[in-house]
Amino acid sequence: DAMRSFKAGYIIADDAPNTVADGLKVPLKELTWHFVRNHVTDIL
């Protein structure tokens, strides 16, 4: 969802994604989105 948010230009939040990376299941919020959209080069 962070990669899709980065490409779309606004926050896209998945409610309950399923991944082995259990620490990465939560969505961006307005404060972290501020930093991501202004300073991140890319999300892979």
PDB file of all heavy atoms in Angstrom:
ATOM      1  N   ASP A   1       0.809  -1.219   0.000  1.00  0.00           N
ATOM      2  CA  ASP A   1       0.000   0.000   0.000  1.00  0.00           C
ATOM      3  C   ASP A   1       0.848   1.278   0.000  1.00  0.00           C
ATOM      4  O   ASP A   1       0.435   2.292  -0.568  1.00  0.00           O
ATOM      5  CB  ASP A   1      -0.985  -0.001   1.178  1.00  0.00           C
ATOM      6  CG  ASP A   1      -0.320  -0.297   2.503  1.00  0.00           C
ATOM      7  OD1 ASP A   1       0.274  -1.384   2.632  1.00  0.00           O
ATOM      8  OD2 ASP A   1      -0.364   0.542   3.413  1.00  0.00           O
ATOM      9  N   ALA A   2       2.024   1.247   0.617  1.00  0.00           N
ATOM     10  CA  ALA A   2       2.885   2.436   0.592  1.00  0.00           C
ATOM     11  C   ALA A   2       3.388   2.710  -0.823  1.00  0.00           C
ATOM     12  O   ALA A   2       3.424   3.862  -1.270  1.00  0.00           O
ATOM     13  CB  ALA A   2       4.061   2.276   1.551  1.00  0.00           C
ATOM     14  N   MET A   3       3.774   1.656  -1.539  1.00  0.00           N
ATOM     15  CA  MET A   3       4.221   1.820  -2.930  1.00  0.00           C
ATOM     16  C   MET A   3       3.090   2.376  -3.791  1.00  0.00           C
ATOM     17  O   MET A   3       3.292   3.301  -4.586  1.00  0.00           O
ATOM     18  CB  MET A   3       4.718   0.491  -3.481  1.00  0.00           C
ATOM     19  CG  MET A   3       5.311   0.578  -4.884  1.00  0.00           C
ATOM     20  SD  MET A   3       4.082   0.356  -6.190  1.00  0.00           S
ATOM     21  CE  MET A   3       3.783  -1.405  -6.053  1.00  0.00           C
ATOM     22  N   ARG A   4       1.884   1.833  -3.620  1.00  0.00           N
ATOM     23  CA  ARG A   4       0.746   2.320  -4.402  1.00  0.00           C
ATOM     24  C   ARG A   4       0.384   3.755  -4.014  1.00  0.00           C
ATOM     25  O   ARG A   4       0.019   4.563  -4.870  1.00  0.00           O
ATOM     26  CB  ARG A   4      -0.453   1.378  -4.243  1.00  0.00           C
ATOM     27  CG  ARG A   4      -0.251   0.063  -4.997  1.00  0.00           C
ATOM     28  CD  ARG A   4      -1.436  -0.878  -4.910  1.00  0.00           C
ATOM     29  NE  ARG A   4      -1.511  -1.541  -3.612  1.00  0.00           N
ATOM     30  CZ  ARG A   4      -2.544  -1.456  -2.786  1.00  0.00           C
ATOM     31  NH1 ARG A   4      -3.615  -0.747  -3.100  1.00  0.00           N
ATOM     32  NH2 ARG A   4      -2.533  -2.103  -1.636  1.00  0.00           N
ATOM     33  N   SER A   5       0.507   4.087  -2.729  1.00  0.00           N
ATOM     34  CA  SER A   5       0.282   5.458  -2.280  1.00  0.00           C
ATOM     35  C   SER A   5       1.292   6.408  -2.923  1.00  0.00           C
ATOM     36  O   SER A   5       0.936   7.493  -3.405  1.00  0.00           O
ATOM     37  CB  SER A   5       0.421   5.546  -0.754  1.00  0.00           C
ATOM     38  OG  SER A   5      -0.499   4.699  -0.093  1.00  0.00           O
ATOM     39  N   PHE A   6       2.560   5.974  -2.951  1.00  0.00           N
ATOM     40  CA  PHE A   6       3.646   6.784  -3.501  1.00  0.00           C
ATOM     41  C   PHE A   6       3.386   7.099  -4.973  1.00  0.00           C
ATOM     42  O   PHE A   6       3.583   8.227  -5.425  1.00  0.00           O
ATOM     43  CB  PHE A   6       4.957   6.005  -3.334  1.00  0.00           C
ATOM     44  CG  PHE A   6       6.194   6.781  -3.638  1.00  0.00           C
ATOM     45  CD1 PHE A   6       6.629   7.799  -2.795  1.00  0.00           C
ATOM     46  CD2 PHE A   6       6.959   6.480  -4.755  1.00  0.00           C
ATOM     47  CE1 PHE A   6       7.789   8.504  -3.067  1.00  0.00           C
ATOM     48  CE2 PHE A   6       8.119   7.186  -5.039  1.00  0.00           C
ATOM     49  CZ  PHE A   6       8.538   8.204  -4.196  1.00  0.00           C
ATOM     50  N   LYS A   7       2.905   6.106  -5.712  1.00  0.00           N
ATOM     51  CA  LYS A   7       2.640   6.291  -7.142  1.00  0.00           C
ATOM     52  C   LYS A   7       1.377   7.130  -7.370  1.00  0.00           C
ATOM     53  O   LYS A   7       1.300   7.915  -8.322  1.00  0.00           O
ATOM     54  CB  LYS A   7       2.515   4.940  -7.843  1.00  0.00           C
ATOM     55  CG  LYS A   7       3.831   4.171  -7.897  1.00  0.00           C
ATOM     56  CD  LYS A   7       3.731   2.978  -8.821  1.00  0.00           C
ATOM     57  CE  LYS A   7       5.004   2.139  -8.838  1.00  0.00           C
ATOM     58  NZ  LYS A   7       6.235   2.909  -8.998  1.00  0.00           N
ATOM     59  N   ALA A   8       0.378   6.961  -6.495  1.00  0.00           N
ATOM     60  CA  ALA A   8      -0.900   7.658  -6.675  1.00  0.00           C
ATOM     61  C   ALA A   8      -0.856   9.104  -6.192  1.00  0.00           C
ATOM     62  O   ALA A   8      -1.610   9.950  -6.678  1.00  0.00           O
ATOM     63  CB  ALA A   8      -2.003   6.904  -5.946  1.00  0.00           C
ATOM     64  N   GLY A   9       0.013   9.373  -5.196  1.00  0.00           N
ATOM     65  CA  GLY A   9       0.083  10.723  -4.647  1.00  0.00           C
ATOM     66  C   GLY A   9      -0.838  10.968  -3.477  1.00  0.00           C
ATOM     67  O   GLY A   9      -1.018  12.110  -3.045  1.00  0.00           O
ATOM     68  N   TYR A  10      -1.436   9.918  -2.947  1.00  0.00           N
ATOM     69  CA  TYR A  10      -2.282  10.026  -1.752  1.00  0.00           C
ATOM     70  C   TYR A  10      -2.264   8.674  -1.035  1.00  0.00           C
ATOM     71  O   TYR A  10      -1.891   7.653  -1.630  1.00  0.00           O
ATOM     72  CB  TYR A  10      -3.722  10.420  -2.116  1.00  0.00           C
ATOM     73  CG  TYR A  10      -4.395   9.489  -3.094  1.00  0.00           C
ATOM     74  CD1 TYR A  10      -5.094   8.356  -2.665  1.00  0.00           C
ATOM     75  CD2 TYR A  10      -4.330   9.732  -4.471  1.00  0.00           C
ATOM     76  CE1 TYR A  10      -5.704   7.499  -3.564  1.00  0.00           C
ATOM     77  CE2 TYR A  10      -4.929   8.874  -5.378  1.00  0.00           C
ATOM     78  CZ  TYR A  10      -5.626   7.767  -4.918  1.00  0.00           C
ATOM     79  OH  TYR A  10      -6.212   6.908  -5.809  1.00  0.00           O
ATOM     80  N   ILE A  11      -2.646   8.681   0.239  1.00  0.00           N
ATOM     81  CA  ILE A  11      -2.565   7.459   1.038  1.00  0.00           C
ATOM     82  C   ILE A  11      -3.605   6.440   0.592  1.00  0.00           C
ATOM     83  O   ILE A  11      -4.795   6.752   0.500  1.00  0.00           O
ATOM     84  CB  ILE A  11      -2.755   7.750   2.541  1.00  0.00           C
ATOM     85  CG1 ILE A  11      -1.594   8.591   3.083  1.00  0.00           C
ATOM     86  CG2 ILE A  11      -2.852   6.449   3.342  1.00  0.00           C
ATOM     87  CD1 ILE A  11      -1.760   8.989   4.542  1.00  0.00           C
ATOM     88  N   ILE A  12      -3.140   5.239   0.310  1.00  0.00           N
ATOM     89  CA  ILE A  12      -4.000   4.083   0.059  1.00  0.00           C
ATOM     90  C   ILE A  12      -3.741   3.109   1.199  1.00  0.00           C
ATOM     91  O   ILE A  12      -2.596   2.710   1.436  1.00  0.00           O
ATOM     92  CB  ILE A  12      -3.677   3.417  -1.296  1.00  0.00           C
ATOM     93  CG1 ILE A  12      -3.954   4.400  -2.444  1.00  0.00           C
ATOM     94  CG2 ILE A  12      -4.454   2.129  -1.466  1.00  0.00           C
ATOM     95  CD1 ILE A  12      -3.442   3.927  -3.798  1.00  0.00           C
ATOM     96  N   ALA A  13      -4.779   2.735   1.925  1.00  0.00           N
ATOM     97  CA  ALA A  13      -4.605   1.885   3.112  1.00  0.00           C
ATOM     98  C   ALA A  13      -5.291   0.541   2.923  1.00  0.00           C
ATOM     99  O   ALA A  13      -6.487   0.477   2.631  1.00  0.00           O
ATOM    100  CB  ALA A  13      -5.170   2.587   4.344  1.00  0.00           C
ATOM    101  N   ASP A  14      -4.533  -0.547   3.055  1.00  0.00           N
ATOM    102  CA  ASP A  14      -5.098  -1.894   3.077  1.00  0.00           C
ATOM    103  C   ASP A  14      -5.445  -2.229   4.520  1.00  0.00           C
ATOM    104  O   ASP A  14      -4.648  -1.974   5.431  1.00  0.00           O
ATOM    105  CB  ASP A  14      -4.091  -2.921   2.541  1.00  0.00           C
ATOM    106  CG  ASP A  14      -3.870  -2.772   1.041  1.00  0.00           C
ATOM    107  OD1 ASP A  14      -4.740  -2.195   0.379  1.00  0.00           O
ATOM    108  OD2 ASP A  14      -2.813  -3.225   0.551  1.00  0.00           O
ATOM    109  N   ASP A  15      -6.599  -2.840   4.740  1.00  0.00           N
ATOM    110  CA  ASP A  15      -7.035  -3.080   6.107  1.00  0.00           C
ATOM    111  C   ASP A  15      -6.324  -4.270   6.756  1.00  0.00           C
ATOM    112  O   ASP A  15      -5.975  -4.226   7.929  1.00  0.00           O
ATOM    113  CB  ASP A  15      -8.548  -3.292   6.166  1.00  0.00           C
ATOM    114  CG  ASP A  15      -9.079  -3.188   7.587  1.00  0.00           C
ATOM    115  OD1 ASP A  15      -8.716  -2.214   8.275  1.00  0.00           O
ATOM    116  OD2 ASP A  15      -9.836  -4.074   8.009  1.00  0.00           O
ATOM    117  N   ALA A  16      -6.121  -5.354   6.020  1.00  0.00           N
ATOM    118  CA  ALA A  16      -5.535  -6.547   6.640  1.00  0.00           C
ATOM    119  C   ALA A  16      -4.726  -7.349   5.617  1.00  0.00           C
ATOM    120  O   ALA A  16      -5.095  -8.459   5.237  1.00  0.00           O
ATOM    121  CB  ALA A  16      -6.634  -7.428   7.237  1.00  0.00           C
ATOM    122  N   PRO A  17      -3.595  -6.795   5.160  1.00  0.00           N
ATOM    123  CA  PRO A  17      -2.769  -7.536   4.193  1.00  0.00           C
ATOM    124  C   PRO A  17      -2.141  -8.777   4.827  1.00  0.00           C
ATOM    125  O   PRO A  17      -1.983  -8.854   6.044  1.00  0.00           O
ATOM    126  CB  PRO A  17      -1.693  -6.519   3.804  1.00  0.00           C
ATOM    127  CG  PRO A  17      -1.619  -5.581   4.963  1.00  0.00           C
ATOM    128  CD  PRO A  17      -3.005  -5.510   5.523  1.00  0.00           C
ATOM    129  N   ASN A  18      -1.791  -9.742   3.984  1.00  0.00           N
ATOM    130  CA  ASN A  18      -1.234 -11.005   4.457  1.00  0.00           C
ATOM    131  C   ASN A  18       0.192 -11.161   3.938  1.00  0.00           C
ATOM    132  O   ASN A  18       0.413 -11.290   2.738  1.00  0.00           O
ATOM    133  CB  ASN A  18      -2.105 -12.173   3.987  1.00  0.00           C
ATOM    134  CG  ASN A  18      -1.574 -13.518   4.482  1.00  0.00           C
ATOM    135  OD1 ASN A  18      -0.969 -13.590   5.544  1.00  0.00           O
ATOM    136  ND2 ASN A  18      -1.793 -14.562   3.707  1.00  0.00           N
ATOM    137  N   THR A  19       1.172 -11.112   4.836  1.00  0.00           N
ATOM    138  CA  THR A  19       2.576 -11.251   4.446  1.00  0.00           C
ATOM    139  C   THR A  19       3.371 -11.852   5.599  1.00  0.00           C
ATOM    140  O   THR A  19       3.006 -11.683   6.772  1.00  0.00           O
ATOM    141  CB  THR A  19       3.185  -9.889   4.045  1.00  0.00           C
ATOM    142  OG1 THR A  19       4.601 -10.045   3.827  1.00  0.00           O
ATOM    143  CG2 THR A  19       2.970  -8.827   5.114  1.00  0.00           C
ATOM    144  N   VAL A  20       4.456 -12.531   5.245  1.00  0.00           N
ATOM    145  CA  VAL A  20       5.362 -13.082   6.258  1.00  0.00           C
ATOM    146  C   VAL A  20       6.014 -11.964   7.068  1.00  0.00           C
ATOM    147  O   VAL A  20       6.414 -12.167   8.219  1.00  0.00           O
ATOM    148  CB  VAL A  20       6.424 -13.982   5.584  1.00  0.00           C
ATOM    149  CG1 VAL A  20       7.396 -13.160   4.734  1.00  0.00           C
ATOM    150  CG2 VAL A  20       7.200 -14.795   6.609  1.00  0.00           C
ATOM    151  N   ALA A  21       6.078 -10.770   6.473  1.00  0.00           N
ATOM    152  CA  ALA A  21       6.694  -9.608   7.135  1.00  0.00           C
ATOM    153  C   ALA A  21       5.647  -8.960   8.042  1.00  0.00           C
ATOM    154  O   ALA A  21       5.057  -7.930   7.721  1.00  0.00           O
ATOM    155  CB  ALA A  21       7.215  -8.618   6.099  1.00  0.00           C
ATOM    156  N   ASP A  22       5.435  -9.562   9.209  1.00  0.00           N
ATOM    157  CA  ASP A  22       4.300  -9.177  10.059  1.00  0.00           C
ATOM    158  C   ASP A  22       4.405  -7.749  10.589  1.00  0.00           C
ATOM    159  O   ASP A  22       3.409  -7.150  10.969  1.00  0.00           O
ATOM    160  CB  ASP A  22       4.137 -10.168  11.215  1.00  0.00           C
ATOM    161  CG  ASP A  22       5.339 -10.185  12.141  1.00  0.00           C
ATOM    162  OD1 ASP A  22       6.317 -10.887  11.809  1.00  0.00           O
ATOM    163  OD2 ASP A  22       5.314  -9.516  13.188  1.00  0.00           O
ATOM    164  N   GLY A  23       5.589  -7.186  10.616  1.00  0.00           N
ATOM    165  CA  GLY A  23       5.746  -5.821  11.102  1.00  0.00           C
ATOM    166  C   GLY A  23       5.392  -4.753  10.085  1.00  0.00           C
ATOM    167  O   GLY A  23       5.415  -3.567  10.400  1.00  0.00           O
ATOM    168  N   LEU A  24       5.057  -5.166   8.846  1.00  0.00           N
ATOM    169  CA  LEU A  24       4.836  -4.194   7.765  1.00  0.00           C
ATOM    170  C   LEU A  24       3.401  -4.210   7.257  1.00  0.00           C
ATOM    171  O   LEU A  24       3.139  -3.849   6.112  1.00  0.00           O
ATOM    172  CB  LEU A  24       5.810  -4.468   6.601  1.00  0.00           C
ATOM    173  CG  LEU A  24       7.294  -4.509   6.964  1.00  0.00           C
ATOM    174  CD1 LEU A  24       8.138  -4.757   5.727  1.00  0.00           C
ATOM    175  CD2 LEU A  24       7.730  -3.227   7.662  1.00  0.00           C
ATOM    176  N   LYS A  25       2.468  -4.607   8.104  1.00  0.00           N
ATOM    177  CA  LYS A  25       1.075  -4.741   7.675  1.00  0.00           C
ATOM    178  C   LYS A  25       0.244  -3.482   7.880  1.00  0.00           C
ATOM    179  O   LYS A  25      -0.921  -3.443   7.504  1.00  0.00           O
ATOM    180  CB  LYS A  25       0.412  -5.903   8.427  1.00  0.00           C
ATOM    181  CG  LYS A  25       0.990  -7.273   8.073  1.00  0.00           C
ATOM    182  CD  LYS A  25       0.252  -8.367   8.829  1.00  0.00           C
ATOM    183  CE  LYS A  25       0.770  -9.745   8.463  1.00  0.00           C
ATOM    184  NZ  LYS A  25       0.009 -10.816   9.149  1.00  0.00           N
ATOM    185  N   VAL A  26       0.817  -2.454   8.483  1.00  0.00           N
ATOM    186  CA  VAL A  26       0.041  -1.262   8.820  1.00  0.00           C
ATOM    187  C   VAL A  26       0.206  -0.186   7.748  1.00  0.00           C
ATOM    188  O   VAL A  26       1.206  -0.137   7.043  1.00  0.00           O
ATOM    189  CB  VAL A  26       0.450  -0.719  10.205  1.00  0.00           C
ATOM    190  CG1 VAL A  26      -0.001  -1.682  11.287  1.00  0.00           C
ATOM    191  CG2 VAL A  26       1.957  -0.497  10.292  1.00  0.00           C
ATOM    192  N   PRO A  27      -0.791   0.699   7.608  1.00  0.00           N
ATOM    193  CA  PRO A  27      -0.751   1.715   6.555  1.00  0.00           C
ATOM    194  C   PRO A  27      -0.033   2.989   6.986  1.00  0.00           C
ATOM    195  O   PRO A  27       0.139   3.261   8.176  1.00  0.00           O
ATOM    196  CB  PRO A  27      -2.242   2.009   6.314  1.00  0.00           C
ATOM    197  CG  PRO A  27      -2.867   1.819   7.663  1.00  0.00           C
ATOM    198  CD  PRO A  27      -2.094   0.686   8.316  1.00  0.00           C
ATOM    199  N   LEU A  28       0.361   3.779   6.009  1.00  0.00           N
ATOM    200  CA  LEU A  28       0.872   5.123   6.271  1.00  0.00           C
ATOM    201  C   LEU A  28      -0.208   5.978   6.926  1.00  0.00           C
ATOM    202  O   LEU A  28      -1.405   5.734   6.738  1.00  0.00           O
ATOM    203  CB  LEU A  28       1.310   5.787   4.961  1.00  0.00           C
ATOM    204  CG  LEU A  28       2.473   5.152   4.206  1.00  0.00           C
ATOM    205  CD1 LEU A  28       2.539   5.724   2.793  1.00  0.00           C
ATOM    206  CD2 LEU A  28       3.784   5.371   4.932  1.00  0.00           C
ATOM    207  N   LYS A  29       0.226   6.974   7.693  1.00  0.00           N
ATOM    208  CA  LYS A  29      -0.684   7.981   8.247  1.00  0.00           C
ATOM    209  C   LYS A  29      -0.180   9.355   7.805  1.00  0.00           C
ATOM    210  O   LYS A  29       0.876   9.479   7.184  1.00  0.00           O
ATOM    211  CB  LYS A  29      -0.731   7.885   9.767  1.00  0.00           C
ATOM    212  CG  LYS A  29      -1.319   6.580  10.297  1.00  0.00           C
ATOM    213  CD  LYS A  29      -2.833   6.537  10.148  1.00  0.00           C
ATOM    214  CE  LYS A  29      -3.418   5.335  10.880  1.00  0.00           C
ATOM    215  NZ  LYS A  29      -4.891   5.283  10.750  1.00  0.00           N
ATOM    216  N   GLU A  30      -0.925  10.402   8.159  1.00  0.00           N
ATOM    217  CA  GLU A  30      -0.643  11.711   7.578  1.00  0.00           C
ATOM    218  C   GLU A  30       0.763  12.224   7.900  1.00  0.00           C
ATOM    219  O   GLU A  30       1.411  12.842   7.050  1.00  0.00           O
ATOM    220  CB  GLU A  30      -1.696  12.739   8.005  1.00  0.00           C
ATOM    221  CG  GLU A  30      -1.830  12.973   9.499  1.00  0.00           C
ATOM    222  CD  GLU A  30      -2.809  12.029  10.178  1.00  0.00           C
ATOM    223  OE1 GLU A  30      -3.281  11.050   9.548  1.00  0.00           O
ATOM    224  OE2 GLU A  30      -3.100  12.261  11.361  1.00  0.00           O
ATOM    225  N   LEU A  31       1.275  11.946   9.096  1.00  0.00           N
ATOM    226  CA  LEU A  31       2.585  12.470   9.463  1.00  0.00           C
ATOM    227  C   LEU A  31       3.697  11.748   8.714  1.00  0.00           C
ATOM    228  O   LEU A  31       4.614  12.381   8.171  1.00  0.00           O
ATOM    229  CB  LEU A  31       2.789  12.357  10.983  1.00  0.00           C
ATOM    230  CG  LEU A  31       4.008  13.055  11.579  1.00  0.00           C
ATOM    231  CD1 LEU A  31       4.082  14.522  11.151  1.00  0.00           C
ATOM    232  CD2 LEU A  31       3.978  12.956  13.106  1.00  0.00           C
ATOM    233  N   THR A  32       3.624  10.419   8.661  1.00  0.00           N
ATOM    234  CA  THR A  32       4.656   9.673   7.924  1.00  0.00           C
ATOM    235  C   THR A  32       4.523   9.915   6.417  1.00  0.00           C
ATOM    236  O   THR A  32       5.534   9.972   5.704  1.00  0.00           O
ATOM    237  CB  THR A  32       4.594   8.170   8.238  1.00  0.00           C
ATOM    238  OG1 THR A  32       3.259   7.681   8.033  1.00  0.00           O
ATOM    239  CG2 THR A  32       4.998   7.905   9.677  1.00  0.00           C
ATOM    240  N   TRP A  33       3.306  10.079   5.934  1.00  0.00           N
ATOM    241  CA  TRP A  33       3.101  10.371   4.514  1.00  0.00           C
ATOM    242  C   TRP A  33       3.788  11.681   4.128  1.00  0.00           C
ATOM    243  O   TRP A  33       4.359  11.796   3.040  1.00  0.00           O
ATOM    244  CB  TRP A  33       1.608  10.422   4.212  1.00  0.00           C
ATOM    245  CG  TRP A  33       1.232  10.879   2.832  1.00  0.00           C
ATOM    246  CD1 TRP A  33       0.446  11.937   2.502  1.00  0.00           C
ATOM    247  CD2 TRP A  33       1.619  10.278   1.575  1.00  0.00           C
ATOM    248  NE1 TRP A  33       0.321  12.048   1.132  1.00  0.00           N
ATOM    249  CE2 TRP A  33       1.035  11.038   0.544  1.00  0.00           C
ATOM    250  CE3 TRP A  33       2.416   9.179   1.250  1.00  0.00           C
ATOM    251  CZ2 TRP A  33       1.210  10.731  -0.794  1.00  0.00           C
ATOM    252  CZ3 TRP A  33       2.601   8.872  -0.096  1.00  0.00           C
ATOM    253  CH2 TRP A  33       2.002   9.635  -1.102  1.00  0.00           C
ATOM    254  N   HIS A  34       3.765  12.656   5.012  1.00  0.00           N
ATOM    255  CA  HIS A  34       4.446  13.926   4.746  1.00  0.00           C
ATOM    256  C   HIS A  34       5.915  13.688   4.400  1.00  0.00           C
ATOM    257  O   HIS A  34       6.437  14.250   3.422  1.00  0.00           O
ATOM    258  CB  HIS A  34       4.341  14.835   5.980  1.00  0.00           C
ATOM    259  CG  HIS A  34       5.330  15.963   5.994  1.00  0.00           C
ATOM    260  ND1 HIS A  34       5.164  17.116   5.259  1.00  0.00           N
ATOM    261  CD2 HIS A  34       6.533  16.089   6.633  1.00  0.00           C
ATOM    262  CE1 HIS A  34       6.211  17.913   5.439  1.00  0.00           C
ATOM    263  NE2 HIS A  34       7.043  17.311   6.275  1.00  0.00           N
ATOM    264  N   PHE A  35       6.589  12.859   5.201  1.00  0.00           N
ATOM    265  CA  PHE A  35       8.014  12.606   4.958  1.00  0.00           C
ATOM    266  C   PHE A  35       8.233  11.745   3.721  1.00  0.00           C
ATOM    267  O   PHE A  35       9.126  12.009   2.912  1.00  0.00           O
ATOM    268  CB  PHE A  35       8.644  11.950   6.183  1.00  0.00           C
ATOM    269  CG  PHE A  35       8.866  12.897   7.319  1.00  0.00           C
ATOM    270  CD1 PHE A  35       7.996  12.934   8.401  1.00  0.00           C
ATOM    271  CD2 PHE A  35       9.935  13.774   7.314  1.00  0.00           C
ATOM    272  CE1 PHE A  35       8.194  13.820   9.452  1.00  0.00           C
ATOM    273  CE2 PHE A  35      10.149  14.667   8.358  1.00  0.00           C
ATOM    274  CZ  PHE A  35       9.265  14.689   9.432  1.00  0.00           C
ATOM    275  N   VAL A  36       7.411  10.723   3.555  1.00  0.00           N
ATOM    276  CA  VAL A  36       7.572   9.811   2.417  1.00  0.00           C
ATOM    277  C   VAL A  36       7.411  10.549   1.092  1.00  0.00           C
ATOM    278  O   VAL A  36       8.247  10.437   0.184  1.00  0.00           O
ATOM    279  CB  VAL A  36       6.575   8.638   2.523  1.00  0.00           C
ATOM    280  CG1 VAL A  36       6.531   7.843   1.225  1.00  0.00           C
ATOM    281  CG2 VAL A  36       6.944   7.722   3.684  1.00  0.00           C
ATOM    282  N   ARG A  37       6.337  11.328   0.970  1.00  0.00           N
ATOM    283  CA  ARG A  37       6.078  11.966  -0.334  1.00  0.00           C
ATOM    284  C   ARG A  37       7.079  13.078  -0.635  1.00  0.00           C
ATOM    285  O   ARG A  37       7.322  13.388  -1.812  1.00  0.00           O
ATOM    286  CB  ARG A  37       4.650  12.479  -0.397  1.00  0.00           C
ATOM    287  CG  ARG A  37       4.320  13.643   0.510  1.00  0.00           C
ATOM    288  CD  ARG A  37       2.825  14.001   0.422  1.00  0.00           C
ATOM    289  NE  ARG A  37       2.454  15.001   1.410  1.00  0.00           N
ATOM    290  CZ  ARG A  37       2.550  16.308   1.212  1.00  0.00           C
ATOM    291  NH1 ARG A  37       3.029  16.764   0.058  1.00  0.00           N
ATOM    292  NH2 ARG A  37       2.178  17.161   2.156  1.00  0.00           N
ATOM    293  N   ASN A  38       7.678  13.661   0.409  1.00  0.00           N
ATOM    294  CA  ASN A  38       8.605  14.773   0.180  1.00  0.00           C
ATOM    295  C   ASN A  38      10.067  14.352   0.031  1.00  0.00           C
ATOM    296  O   ASN A  38      10.856  15.098  -0.556  1.00  0.00           O
ATOM    297  CB  ASN A  38       8.488  15.796   1.316  1.00  0.00           C
ATOM    298  CG  ASN A  38       7.249  16.658   1.186  1.00  0.00           C
ATOM    299  OD1 ASN A  38       7.051  17.312   0.165  1.00  0.00           O
ATOM    300  ND2 ASN A  38       6.406  16.649   2.202  1.00  0.00           N
ATOM    301  N   HIS A  39      10.438  13.189   0.558  1.00  0.00           N
ATOM    302  CA  HIS A  39      11.867  12.876   0.629  1.00  0.00           C
ATOM    303  C   HIS A  39      12.278  11.495   0.099  1.00  0.00           C
ATOM    304  O   HIS A  39      13.478  11.272  -0.109  1.00  0.00           O
ATOM    305  CB  HIS A  39      12.346  13.002   2.087  1.00  0.00           C
ATOM    306  CG  HIS A  39      12.185  14.366   2.651  1.00  0.00           C
ATOM    307  ND1 HIS A  39      12.892  15.469   2.206  1.00  0.00           N
ATOM    308  CD2 HIS A  39      11.371  14.837   3.638  1.00  0.00           C
ATOM    309  CE1 HIS A  39      12.532  16.540   2.889  1.00  0.00           C
ATOM    310  NE2 HIS A  39      11.615  16.188   3.764  1.00  0.00           N
ATOM    311  N   VAL A  40      11.350  10.577  -0.090  1.00  0.00           N
ATOM    312  CA  VAL A  40      11.727   9.235  -0.545  1.00  0.00           C
ATOM    313  C   VAL A  40      11.941   9.225  -2.061  1.00  0.00           C
ATOM    314  O   VAL A  40      11.151   9.811  -2.812  1.00  0.00           O
ATOM    315  CB  VAL A  40      10.651   8.207  -0.130  1.00  0.00           C
ATOM    316  CG1 VAL A  40      10.861   6.875  -0.851  1.00  0.00           C
ATOM    317  CG2 VAL A  40      10.682   8.000   1.379  1.00  0.00           C
ATOM    318  N   THR A  41      13.019   8.574  -2.496  1.00  0.00           N
ATOM    319  CA  THR A  41      13.331   8.478  -3.923  1.00  0.00           C
ATOM    320  C   THR A  41      12.422   7.477  -4.616  1.00  0.00           C
ATOM    321  O   THR A  41      11.888   7.735  -5.698  1.00  0.00           O
ATOM    322  CB  THR A  41      14.804   8.071  -4.124  1.00  0.00           C
ATOM    323  OG1 THR A  41      15.642   9.076  -3.550  1.00  0.00           O
ATOM    324  CG2 THR A  41      15.147   7.900  -5.595  1.00  0.00           C
ATOM    325  N   ASP A  42      12.250   6.299  -3.999  1.00  0.00           N
ATOM    326  CA  ASP A  42      11.369   5.276  -4.579  1.00  0.00           C
ATOM    327  C   ASP A  42      11.029   4.241  -3.514  1.00  0.00           C
ATOM    328  O   ASP A  42      11.743   4.101  -2.506  1.00  0.00           O
ATOM    329  CB  ASP A  42      12.052   4.576  -5.765  1.00  0.00           C
ATOM    330  CG  ASP A  42      11.045   3.939  -6.736  1.00  0.00           C
ATOM    331  OD1 ASP A  42       9.821   4.022  -6.470  1.00  0.00           O
ATOM    332  OD2 ASP A  42      11.491   3.370  -7.737  1.00  0.00           O
ATOM    333  N   ILE A  43       9.921   3.527  -3.741  1.00  0.00           N
ATOM    334  CA  ILE A  43       9.519   2.412  -2.888  1.00  0.00           C
ATOM    335  C   ILE A  43       9.540   1.145  -3.739  1.00  0.00           C
ATOM    336  O   ILE A  43       8.875   1.072  -4.780  1.00  0.00           O
ATOM    337  CB  ILE A  43       8.122   2.625  -2.269  1.00  0.00           C
ATOM    338  CG1 ILE A  43       8.136   3.885  -1.387  1.00  0.00           C
ATOM    339  CG2 ILE A  43       7.708   1.409  -1.448  1.00  0.00           C
ATOM    340  CD1 ILE A  43       6.805   4.212  -0.729  1.00  0.00           C
ATOM    341  N   LEU A  44      10.331   0.177  -3.301  1.00  0.00           N
ATOM    342  CA  LEU A  44      10.541  -1.070  -4.042  1.00  0.00           C
ATOM    343  C   LEU A  44       9.863  -2.222  -3.309  1.00  0.00           C
ATOM    344  O   LEU A  44       9.713  -2.182  -2.086  1.00  0.00           O
ATOM    345  CB  LEU A  44      12.038  -1.344  -4.181  1.00  0.00           C
ATOM    346  CG  LEU A  44      12.875  -0.183  -4.745  1.00  0.00           C
ATOM    347  CD1 LEU A  44      14.360  -0.510  -4.658  1.00  0.00           C
ATOM    348  CD2 LEU A  44      12.477   0.130  -6.182  1.00  0.00           C
TER     349      LEU A  44
END
